[in-house]
Amino acid sequence: MTTLVDISGLKAGYGNTKVLFGIDMDITAGQVSTLMGRNGMGKTTTVRCLMGLLKASAGKISINGKDMTGAPPYAVARAGLGLVPEGRRIFPSLSVSENLRATARPVAEGWTEARVYDTFPRLGQRKKNFGFQLSGGEQQMLAIGRALMTNPSLLILDEATEGLAPLIREEIWSMLGMLKRQGLTILLIDKNLDELSRISDRYFLIEKGEIAWKGDAADFASQRSHVEQFLHL
């Protein structure tokens, strides 16, 4: 199996506050990987470093075997990483259609606006609506669609279903399962362990800025009670 992303010895923080103390993790092409941990343990900081939004103080990030440590966000995006950020961060003054086209990176047989509407029909029904006119669930669908329009080799979702209604969550989980079956590599951050266990191939547990546990689906199934101890306050 091919390693798409390799992170080794990653350290980072904000000012004098250190958050990551040597993260080691690798993401295999074609698999769904999950990064778990309590709030404040360093999940989003890891993603920000990976996307070039935060400069690491030490360590190395490789994408497809190429050293991308310290690369700017546009270079990381061109390397094939697409992010659905925590809080959605769509463009509120642009229409659904304009949001999707704003970051589009056309490739042969890749994601198109029409394909996003096929995946999320309610976005097609609201393609002329502005971002601020959408519900929270619709905004999350739009954020996912926008990331898919970059035709990423790795889709990263930070808190994919947090705060969403049950029906919307189910729609998003179904869509992620479909993307997995299509062979897209995915990195998920989410708190719903039951749903994660249905699609995840590998798990990384972050605790106080370090990887405290990692394993595959079988490891997680057999050690779930142990892992859950790290996730409770």
Protein backbone atom coordinates (compact mmCIF):
# COMPACT_ATOMS: atom_id res chain seq x y z
CA MET A 1 0.00 0.00 0.00
CA THR A 2 1.18 3.50 -0.86
CA THR A 3 1.77 6.12 1.82
CA LEU A 4 0.10 9.31 0.65
CA VAL A 5 1.05 11.52 3.62
CA ASP A 6 3.80 10.95 6.16
CA ILE A 7 4.17 13.13 9.26
CA SER A 8 7.19 12.62 11.51
CA GLY A 9 8.32 14.40 14.67
CA LEU A 10 5.86 17.26 14.12
CA LYS A 11 6.04 20.01 16.73
CA ALA A 12 4.04 23.22 16.67
CA GLY A 13 2.23 25.77 18.80
CA TYR A 14 0.98 29.32 19.04
CA GLY A 15 3.45 31.85 20.39
CA ASN A 16 4.90 30.49 23.61
CA THR A 17 2.17 27.88 23.91
CA LYS A 18 3.34 24.48 22.68
CA VAL A 19 0.62 22.18 21.35
CA LEU A 20 2.28 19.38 19.39
CA PHE A 21 5.24 17.53 20.88
CA GLY A 22 6.32 15.16 18.13
CA ILE A 23 3.39 13.80 16.09
CA ASP A 24 4.12 10.70 14.01
CA MET A 25 1.39 9.44 11.68
CA ASP A 26 1.01 8.22 8.13
CA ILE A 27 -1.99 8.14 5.81
CA THR A 28 -2.31 5.29 3.35
CA ALA A 29 -3.79 5.90 -0.09
CA GLY A 30 -7.30 4.54 -0.54
CA GLN A 31 -8.02 4.26 3.18
CA VAL A 32 -10.08 6.22 5.69
CA SER A 33 -7.96 7.35 8.64
CA THR A 34 -9.36 8.85 11.83
CA LEU A 35 -7.66 11.31 14.19
CA MET A 36 -9.31 11.16 17.61
CA GLY A 37 -8.82 13.04 20.86
CA ARG A 38 -10.44 15.37 23.35
CA ASN A 39 -10.78 19.07 22.63
CA GLY A 40 -7.52 20.93 22.95
CA MET A 41 -5.27 17.90 22.42
CA GLY A 42 -3.93 19.07 19.04
CA LYS A 43 -6.17 17.59 16.33
CA THR A 44 -6.91 20.86 14.52
CA THR A 45 -3.33 22.07 15.04
CA THR A 46 -2.10 18.93 13.28
CA VAL A 47 -4.45 19.61 10.37
CA ARG A 48 -3.41 23.26 10.21
CA CYS A 49 0.24 22.25 9.95
CA LEU A 50 -0.58 19.66 7.31
CA MET A 51 -2.45 22.24 5.22
CA GLY A 52 0.29 24.86 5.53
CA LEU A 53 -1.88 27.15 7.65
CA LEU A 54 0.49 26.94 10.63
CA LYS A 55 4.26 26.69 10.50
CA ALA A 56 5.73 23.76 12.40
CA SER A 57 8.64 24.38 14.74
CA ALA A 58 10.12 20.95 14.02
CA GLY A 59 9.41 17.76 12.13
CA LYS A 60 8.68 16.81 8.53
CA ILE A 61 5.57 16.52 6.35
CA SER A 62 5.79 14.54 3.11
CA ILE A 63 3.03 14.30 0.50
CA ASN A 64 3.44 11.62 -2.17
CA GLY A 65 7.07 11.29 -1.14
CA LYS A 66 7.79 15.01 -1.57
CA ASP A 67 8.92 17.12 1.37
CA MET A 68 6.17 19.72 1.88
CA THR A 69 7.25 20.95 5.30
CA GLY A 70 6.52 24.66 5.52
CA ALA A 71 4.89 24.79 2.08
CA PRO A 72 2.21 27.50 1.68
CA PRO A 73 -1.46 26.47 1.57
CA TYR A 74 -1.81 26.92 -2.19
CA ALA A 75 1.09 24.50 -2.78
CA VAL A 76 -0.45 21.96 -0.41
CA ALA A 77 -3.77 22.26 -2.25
CA ARG A 78 -2.01 21.76 -5.58
CA ALA A 79 -0.38 18.66 -4.10
CA GLY A 80 -3.88 17.21 -3.72
CA LEU A 81 -5.09 17.97 -0.19
CA GLY A 82 -8.62 19.30 0.23
CA LEU A 83 -9.89 20.58 3.59
CA VAL A 84 -13.37 20.85 5.04
CA PRO A 85 -12.50 23.09 8.00
CA GLU A 86 -14.14 23.14 11.40
CA GLY A 87 -16.88 25.77 11.31
CA ARG A 88 -17.45 25.31 7.53
CA ARG A 89 -16.16 28.77 6.52
CA ILE A 90 -18.09 29.03 3.29
CA PHE A 91 -18.31 32.36 1.48
CA PRO A 92 -21.58 33.82 2.85
CA SER A 93 -21.99 36.49 0.17
CA LEU A 94 -21.54 34.04 -2.73
CA SER A 95 -24.21 31.74 -4.09
CA VAL A 96 -23.97 27.97 -3.71
CA SER A 97 -22.87 27.73 -7.34
CA GLU A 98 -20.26 30.47 -6.91
CA ASN A 99 -18.90 28.82 -3.74
CA LEU A 100 -18.39 25.58 -5.64
CA ARG A 101 -16.76 27.21 -8.65
CA ALA A 102 -14.52 29.48 -6.57
CA THR A 103 -12.04 26.73 -5.72
CA ALA A 104 -12.69 24.30 -8.58
CA ARG A 105 -9.72 22.44 -10.05
CA PRO A 106 -11.06 20.60 -13.10
CA VAL A 107 -9.59 17.19 -13.92
CA ALA A 108 -10.70 14.54 -16.38
CA GLU A 109 -13.58 12.47 -14.97
CA GLY A 110 -13.34 14.39 -11.70
CA TRP A 111 -15.78 16.29 -9.52
CA THR A 112 -17.99 18.83 -11.23
CA GLU A 113 -20.75 21.12 -10.01
CA ALA A 114 -23.36 18.74 -11.44
CA ARG A 115 -21.79 15.78 -9.63
CA VAL A 116 -21.91 17.67 -6.32
CA TYR A 117 -25.62 18.35 -6.89
CA ASP A 118 -26.18 14.65 -7.61
CA THR A 119 -24.50 13.83 -4.30
CA PHE A 120 -26.30 16.57 -2.35
CA PRO A 121 -29.61 17.21 -4.15
CA ARG A 122 -30.66 19.95 -1.74
CA LEU A 123 -27.64 22.01 -2.84
CA GLY A 124 -28.90 21.74 -6.40
CA GLN A 125 -32.26 23.04 -5.22
CA ARG A 126 -30.52 26.01 -3.61
CA LYS A 127 -27.72 26.68 -6.08
CA LYS A 128 -28.78 30.32 -6.49
CA ASN A 129 -29.09 30.94 -2.74
CA PHE A 130 -26.35 32.82 -0.93
CA GLY A 131 -24.26 31.04 1.66
CA PHE A 132 -25.79 32.96 4.56
CA GLN A 133 -29.26 31.77 3.50
CA LEU A 134 -28.40 28.09 4.04
CA SER A 135 -29.02 26.03 7.15
CA GLY A 136 -26.05 24.69 9.13
CA GLY A 137 -26.41 21.28 7.51
CA GLU A 138 -26.59 22.76 4.03
CA GLN A 139 -23.52 24.87 4.74
CA GLN A 140 -21.62 21.73 5.76
CA MET A 141 -22.70 20.00 2.56
CA LEU A 142 -21.50 23.03 0.63
CA ALA A 143 -18.15 23.00 2.46
CA ILE A 144 -17.70 19.34 1.54
CA GLY A 145 -18.76 19.98 -2.04
CA ARG A 146 -16.34 22.88 -2.30
CA ALA A 147 -13.47 20.67 -1.11
CA LEU A 148 -14.45 17.92 -3.55
CA MET A 149 -14.41 20.45 -6.40
CA THR A 150 -10.65 20.74 -5.88
CA ASN A 151 -10.56 17.03 -6.86
CA PRO A 152 -8.31 16.12 -3.93
CA SER A 153 -6.29 12.94 -3.52
CA LEU A 154 -6.83 13.37 0.25
CA LEU A 155 -10.04 14.82 1.69
CA ILE A 156 -9.68 16.11 5.26
CA LEU A 157 -12.78 16.77 7.37
CA ASP A 158 -12.33 18.54 10.71
CA GLU A 159 -15.39 17.81 12.91
CA ALA A 160 -17.38 16.52 9.96
CA THR A 161 -20.81 16.29 11.63
CA GLU A 162 -20.54 18.38 14.80
CA GLY A 163 -23.74 20.21 15.71
CA LEU A 164 -25.79 18.84 12.82
CA ALA A 165 -29.29 17.35 12.92
CA PRO A 166 -29.44 13.53 12.91
CA LEU A 167 -30.84 13.30 9.37
CA ILE A 168 -28.10 15.55 8.00
CA ARG A 169 -25.44 13.58 9.87
CA GLU A 170 -26.73 10.36 8.35
CA GLU A 171 -26.65 11.90 4.88
CA ILE A 172 -23.05 12.98 5.33
CA TRP A 173 -21.94 9.60 6.71
CA SER A 174 -23.61 7.87 3.76
CA MET A 175 -21.78 10.20 1.40
CA LEU A 176 -18.44 9.47 3.11
CA GLY A 177 -19.09 5.75 2.78
CA MET A 178 -19.72 6.27 -0.93
CA LEU A 179 -16.46 8.22 -1.29
CA LYS A 180 -14.59 5.41 0.43
CA ARG A 181 -16.06 2.85 -1.95
CA GLN A 182 -14.90 5.04 -4.82
CA GLY A 183 -11.35 4.84 -3.46
CA LEU A 184 -10.87 8.39 -2.15
CA THR A 185 -8.37 8.75 0.69
CA ILE A 186 -9.98 10.46 3.70
CA LEU A 187 -8.78 11.82 7.04
CA LEU A 188 -11.63 12.29 9.51
CA ILE A 189 -11.91 14.13 12.79
CA ASP A 190 -15.22 13.40 14.49
CA LYS A 191 -16.58 12.34 17.88
CA ASN A 192 -19.10 9.75 16.66
CA LEU A 193 -17.20 6.52 17.26
CA ASP A 194 -20.04 4.29 16.09
CA GLU A 195 -20.13 5.94 12.68
CA LEU A 196 -16.35 6.16 12.48
CA SER A 197 -16.04 2.44 13.17
CA ARG A 198 -18.19 1.67 10.12
CA ILE A 199 -15.86 3.30 7.61
CA SER A 200 -12.43 3.82 9.22
CA ASP A 201 -9.46 1.64 8.34
CA ARG A 202 -6.91 3.20 10.70
CA TYR A 203 -7.07 5.19 13.91
CA PHE A 204 -4.73 7.66 15.58
CA LEU A 205 -5.43 8.91 19.10
CA ILE A 206 -3.84 12.20 20.09
CA GLU A 207 -3.33 13.06 23.75
CA LYS A 208 -1.55 16.21 24.91
CA GLY A 209 0.10 16.75 21.55
CA GLU A 210 1.38 13.20 21.04
CA ILE A 211 0.02 10.03 19.46
CA ALA A 212 -0.99 7.95 22.47
CA TRP A 213 -2.44 5.01 20.52
CA LYS A 214 -2.82 3.87 16.93
CA GLY A 215 -4.21 0.81 15.25
CA ASP A 216 -6.29 -0.63 12.45
CA ALA A 217 -10.00 -1.44 12.48
CA ALA A 218 -9.46 -4.79 14.21
CA ASP A 219 -7.28 -3.17 16.88
CA PHE A 220 -9.91 -0.52 17.52
CA ALA A 221 -12.71 -3.08 17.79
CA SER A 222 -10.78 -5.13 20.34
CA GLN A 223 -9.41 -2.17 22.33
CA ARG A 224 -12.28 0.29 22.04
CA SER A 225 -12.92 0.49 25.79
CA HIS A 226 -9.26 1.36 26.35
CA VAL A 227 -9.32 4.02 23.62
CA GLU A 228 -12.53 5.56 24.93
CA GLN A 229 -10.85 6.26 28.27
CA PHE A 230 -8.77 8.93 26.54
CA LEU A 231 -11.84 10.57 25.03
CA HIS A 232 -13.77 11.22 28.26
CA LEU A 233 -13.28 14.41 30.25
